[in-house]
Amino acid sequence: MYAIIKCGGKQYKVQEGDYLNLDKLDASPKEKITIKEVLAINSGELEVGTPFLENATVELEVITHGKDKKVIIFKKRRRKDSKLKKGFRREFTRVKVSKITA
């Protein structure tokens, strides 16, 4: 059984027991979060919502918060002696999928 959820403007395919890195959420570790924006569920037969399924939820458990690897943004314009180098580290929340209900 798997589900496709929407969180932070992105879509994720999840199964029970999976670990995900989501965009930073305002939740403390060991806290339970319920996602109601379920786009599809497959439990033998695929059910697709328009756009979301009613009465379908995915329960997540917050594990920890952290920062990803640094992403480098480098822009160079040839023959103009113009270049720009920036970088950032995305903050994330690591969660575990504990239960999918349809």
Protein backbone atom coordinates (compact mmCIF):
# COMPACT_ATOMS: atom_id res chain seq x y z
CA MET A 1 0.00 0.00 0.00
CA TYR A 2 1.33 3.42 -0.92
CA ALA A 3 0.04 6.97 -1.04
CA ILE A 4 0.98 10.15 -2.88
CA ILE A 5 0.88 13.21 -0.63
CA LYS A 6 1.41 16.93 -1.12
CA CYS A 7 3.54 18.79 1.41
CA GLY A 8 5.33 22.11 0.95
CA GLY A 9 4.34 22.40 -2.71
CA LYS A 10 5.97 19.06 -3.57
CA GLN A 11 4.57 15.58 -4.07
CA TYR A 12 5.94 12.48 -2.35
CA LYS A 13 5.21 8.78 -2.80
CA VAL A 14 5.17 7.20 0.67
CA GLN A 15 4.71 3.78 2.24
CA GLU A 16 4.39 2.83 5.89
CA GLY A 17 7.82 2.80 7.52
CA ASP A 18 9.42 5.20 5.00
CA TYR A 19 11.65 8.09 6.09
CA LEU A 20 11.38 11.46 4.32
CA ASN A 21 13.14 14.80 4.39
CA LEU A 22 10.40 17.44 4.12
CA ASP A 23 10.79 21.21 4.10
CA LYS A 24 11.14 22.48 7.66
CA LEU A 25 7.92 22.07 9.67
CA ASP A 26 7.03 23.74 12.96
CA ALA A 27 6.92 20.57 15.03
CA SER A 28 9.08 19.18 17.80
CA PRO A 29 10.70 15.73 17.66
CA LYS A 30 8.43 12.74 18.50
CA GLU A 31 5.38 14.83 17.62
CA LYS A 32 2.71 13.34 15.33
CA ILE A 33 1.59 15.23 12.21
CA THR A 34 -1.45 14.36 10.10
CA ILE A 35 -1.40 15.15 6.36
CA LYS A 36 -4.86 15.46 4.81
CA GLU A 37 -3.66 16.48 1.33
CA VAL A 38 -3.60 12.94 -0.09
CA LEU A 39 -3.65 12.90 -3.90
CA ALA A 40 -3.86 9.13 -4.47
CA ILE A 41 -3.84 5.83 -2.59
CA ASN A 42 -3.04 2.38 -3.99
CA SER A 43 -4.19 -0.55 -1.87
CA GLY A 44 -4.59 -3.12 -4.61
CA GLU A 45 -6.62 -0.66 -6.68
CA LEU A 46 -5.61 2.94 -7.41
CA GLU A 47 -7.90 5.66 -6.04
CA VAL A 48 -7.24 9.17 -7.35
CA GLY A 49 -8.70 12.33 -5.81
CA THR A 50 -9.94 15.48 -7.49
CA PRO A 51 -7.59 17.01 -6.31
CA PHE A 52 -7.58 15.37 -2.84
CA LEU A 53 -9.18 12.23 -1.47
CA GLU A 54 -11.77 12.69 1.26
CA ASN A 55 -11.32 10.71 4.50
CA ALA A 56 -7.74 9.79 3.55
CA THR A 57 -4.90 10.74 5.88
CA VAL A 58 -1.22 9.99 6.33
CA GLU A 59 0.23 10.12 9.83
CA LEU A 60 3.87 11.20 10.18
CA GLU A 61 6.16 11.14 13.21
CA VAL A 62 8.84 13.83 13.44
CA ILE A 63 12.30 12.35 13.98
CA THR A 64 14.64 15.35 13.86
CA HIS A 65 15.46 18.67 12.20
CA GLY A 66 18.61 19.39 10.23
CA LYS A 67 20.35 21.09 7.33
CA ASP A 68 21.12 19.59 3.93
CA LYS A 69 24.41 19.75 2.04
CA LYS A 70 25.37 23.15 0.65
CA VAL A 71 24.01 23.96 -2.80
CA ILE A 72 26.27 26.24 -4.87
CA ILE A 73 24.75 28.75 -7.28
CA PHE A 74 27.37 29.99 -9.74
CA LYS A 75 26.55 32.36 -12.59
CA LYS A 76 29.16 33.53 -15.08
CA ARG A 77 28.74 35.76 -18.08
CA ARG A 78 31.49 35.09 -20.58
CA ARG A 79 33.76 37.91 -21.69
CA LYS A 80 32.05 40.36 -19.32
CA ASP A 81 34.24 39.78 -16.26
CA SER A 82 31.02 39.20 -14.35
CA LYS A 83 30.43 36.27 -12.05
CA LEU A 84 28.34 35.52 -9.01
CA LYS A 85 28.77 32.75 -6.46
CA LYS A 86 26.17 32.07 -3.76
CA GLY A 87 25.28 29.07 -1.67
CA PHE A 88 22.69 27.97 0.85
CA ARG A 89 21.77 25.00 3.00
CA ARG A 90 18.14 23.90 2.97
CA GLU A 91 16.59 23.23 6.36
CA PHE A 92 14.56 20.04 6.57
CA THR A 93 12.47 17.96 8.95
CA ARG A 94 13.08 14.19 8.93
CA VAL A 95 9.84 12.27 9.38
CA LYS A 96 8.74 8.63 9.48
CA VAL A 97 5.46 7.51 7.89
CA SER A 98 3.64 5.65 10.64
CA LYS A 99 0.14 5.07 9.24
CA ILE A 100 -1.84 5.46 6.01
CA THR A 101 -5.64 5.41 6.24
CA ALA A 102 -8.10 5.48 3.37
